[in-house]
Amino acid sequence: MKIIRDIKQLDGTCYIEVLPGRYQGKCWNEDSIFFTEEDFGYLEKSIEHEYSNYDHYAFNEIPEGIWERILGRLEGLLTELHKESSIESMKTDIGFFFRCSEEELQQDYEINLAKLIVLIREFQEWINEQLKRTKYISVLGI
């Protein structure tokens, strides 16, 4: 689980791009961050809960106010993850994009839970940093 910050590390095109600002007709931007579909699935439900027009396969231009709510939801998720959470209790807040995603999270559960917490924290930090400079952050789907 990780945020990909360098487009040179991308292999193929099956990534979710998170772009500072509005979509300008170009993908694979140098200032974007990227996620595998599986990794972004862990975050996606928090976005879906707060942004009703969210579409995994579309270009979503999400305004600052909604990102603030998403950040709050992610903070609540972190609180739950720091408790002795089970996979079942996480399912309302975490998406498992592929069937095997849940099984993979359960393998080495404590290690993977720690990785997930780091992923969420780094995503929150990146979003907060971008919101200092822009009123929109776009999620460019597959």
Protein backbone atom coordinates (compact mmCIF):
# COMPACT_ATOMS: atom_id res chain seq x y z
CA MET A 1 0.00 0.00 0.00
CA LYS A 2 1.47 3.28 -1.05
CA ILE A 3 0.99 6.59 -2.77
CA ILE A 4 2.90 6.79 -6.03
CA ARG A 5 4.40 10.24 -6.41
CA ASP A 6 6.52 9.77 -9.54
CA ILE A 7 4.83 9.02 -12.88
CA LYS A 8 7.96 7.15 -13.95
CA GLN A 9 7.00 4.45 -11.44
CA LEU A 10 3.70 3.76 -13.22
CA ASP A 11 3.47 0.58 -15.23
CA GLY A 12 0.46 0.62 -17.55
CA THR A 13 -2.61 2.79 -17.15
CA CYS A 14 -4.75 1.21 -14.40
CA TYR A 15 -4.22 3.89 -11.80
CA ILE A 16 -6.34 6.46 -10.03
CA GLU A 17 -4.82 9.94 -10.39
CA VAL A 18 -5.45 12.61 -7.77
CA LEU A 19 -4.78 16.00 -9.34
CA PRO A 20 -4.47 19.37 -7.58
CA GLY A 21 -7.03 21.68 -9.19
CA ARG A 22 -9.57 21.04 -11.92
CA TYR A 23 -9.08 18.61 -14.77
CA GLN A 24 -7.46 20.46 -17.69
CA GLY A 25 -7.79 17.82 -20.39
CA LYS A 26 -4.55 16.03 -19.50
CA CYS A 27 -3.78 12.95 -17.43
CA TRP A 28 -0.52 11.79 -15.88
CA ASN A 29 0.33 15.20 -14.46
CA GLU A 30 3.68 15.73 -12.73
CA ASP A 31 2.07 17.29 -9.63
CA SER A 32 -0.49 14.48 -9.19
CA ILE A 33 -0.33 11.46 -6.95
CA PHE A 34 -1.39 8.00 -8.07
CA PHE A 35 -2.85 4.86 -6.55
CA THR A 36 -3.43 1.35 -7.74
CA GLU A 37 -7.14 0.58 -7.91
CA GLU A 38 -6.80 -1.77 -4.98
CA ASP A 39 -5.06 0.80 -2.76
CA PHE A 40 -7.47 3.57 -3.72
CA GLY A 41 -10.37 1.25 -2.90
CA TYR A 42 -9.46 1.55 0.76
CA LEU A 43 -10.00 5.34 0.55
CA GLU A 44 -12.80 5.48 -2.00
CA LYS A 45 -15.75 4.90 0.33
CA SER A 46 -14.85 8.01 2.31
CA ILE A 47 -15.07 10.02 -0.90
CA GLU A 48 -18.30 8.33 -2.03
CA HIS A 49 -19.98 9.05 1.33
CA GLU A 50 -19.30 12.80 1.01
CA TYR A 51 -19.42 13.36 -2.76
CA SER A 52 -22.59 11.81 -4.15
CA ASN A 53 -21.57 12.37 -7.79
CA TYR A 54 -18.36 10.39 -7.39
CA ASP A 55 -17.71 7.92 -10.21
CA HIS A 56 -14.77 5.51 -10.13
CA TYR A 57 -14.51 5.69 -13.94
CA ALA A 58 -14.97 9.45 -14.44
CA PHE A 59 -13.05 12.67 -13.86
CA ASN A 60 -14.34 14.04 -10.54
CA GLU A 61 -13.64 17.69 -9.72
CA ILE A 62 -14.25 17.89 -5.98
CA PRO A 63 -14.44 21.28 -4.25
CA GLU A 64 -12.61 22.25 -1.08
CA GLY A 65 -15.64 22.08 1.21
CA ILE A 66 -16.31 18.47 0.30
CA TRP A 67 -12.64 17.60 0.75
CA GLU A 68 -12.84 19.01 4.27
CA ARG A 69 -15.70 16.60 5.00
CA ILE A 70 -13.77 13.73 3.37
CA LEU A 71 -10.78 14.54 5.57
CA GLY A 72 -13.04 14.44 8.63
CA ARG A 73 -14.40 11.07 7.57
CA LEU A 74 -10.86 9.76 7.07
CA GLU A 75 -9.93 11.01 10.54
CA GLY A 76 -12.86 9.08 11.99
CA LEU A 77 -11.72 6.01 10.09
CA LEU A 78 -8.23 6.36 11.57
CA THR A 79 -9.75 6.49 15.04
CA GLU A 80 -11.57 3.23 14.34
CA LEU A 81 -8.48 1.59 12.87
CA HIS A 82 -6.47 2.42 15.99
CA LYS A 83 -9.02 0.47 18.01
CA GLU A 84 -9.02 -3.29 17.78
CA SER A 85 -11.07 -3.25 14.56
CA SER A 86 -12.12 -6.28 12.62
CA ILE A 87 -12.45 -6.49 8.85
CA GLU A 88 -16.22 -6.73 9.26
CA SER A 89 -16.41 -3.48 11.24
CA MET A 90 -14.32 -1.72 8.57
CA LYS A 91 -16.55 -2.59 5.61
CA THR A 92 -18.78 0.47 6.02
CA ASP A 93 -15.78 2.78 5.66
CA ILE A 94 -13.25 0.83 3.61
CA GLY A 95 -13.79 -0.51 0.13
CA PHE A 96 -12.35 -3.73 -1.13
CA PHE A 97 -12.24 -3.12 -4.86
CA PHE A 98 -11.24 -6.67 -5.71
CA ARG A 99 -12.48 -9.82 -4.01
CA CYS A 100 -8.94 -10.75 -3.03
CA SER A 101 -8.33 -7.32 -1.41
CA GLU A 102 -10.05 -8.31 1.81
CA GLU A 103 -8.16 -11.60 2.00
CA GLU A 104 -4.86 -9.85 1.34
CA LEU A 105 -5.55 -7.32 4.11
CA GLN A 106 -6.26 -10.17 6.53
CA GLN A 107 -2.92 -11.81 5.77
CA ASP A 108 -0.40 -10.23 8.13
CA TYR A 109 -3.31 -8.19 9.46
CA GLU A 110 -1.36 -6.04 11.94
CA ILE A 111 1.32 -5.14 9.37
CA ASN A 112 -1.27 -4.34 6.70
CA LEU A 113 -3.35 -2.32 9.14
CA ALA A 114 -0.26 -0.25 9.98
CA LYS A 115 0.38 0.28 6.24
CA LEU A 116 -3.24 1.35 5.75
CA ILE A 117 -2.96 3.88 8.58
CA VAL A 118 0.18 5.33 6.98
CA LEU A 119 -1.55 5.46 3.57
CA ILE A 120 -4.51 7.38 5.00
CA ARG A 121 -2.28 9.79 6.96
CA GLU A 122 -0.11 10.54 3.92
CA PHE A 123 -3.22 11.09 1.78
CA GLN A 124 -4.66 13.48 4.38
CA GLU A 125 -1.41 15.41 4.56
CA TRP A 126 -1.22 15.69 0.76
CA ILE A 127 -4.84 16.85 0.49
CA ASN A 128 -4.34 19.45 3.24
CA GLU A 129 -1.21 20.76 1.51
CA GLN A 130 -3.01 21.07 -1.84
CA LEU A 131 -6.00 22.86 -0.32
CA LYS A 132 -3.65 25.67 0.72
CA ARG A 133 -3.14 26.40 -3.01
CA THR A 134 -6.31 25.32 -4.80
CA LYS A 135 -10.08 25.20 -4.29
CA TYR A 136 -10.48 21.90 -6.14
CA ILE A 137 -8.79 18.54 -6.16
CA SER A 138 -9.77 16.14 -8.91
CA VAL A 139 -9.91 12.37 -8.79
CA LEU A 140 -9.33 11.03 -12.28
CA GLY A 141 -10.74 7.53 -12.51
CA ILE A 142 -9.72 4.60 -14.62
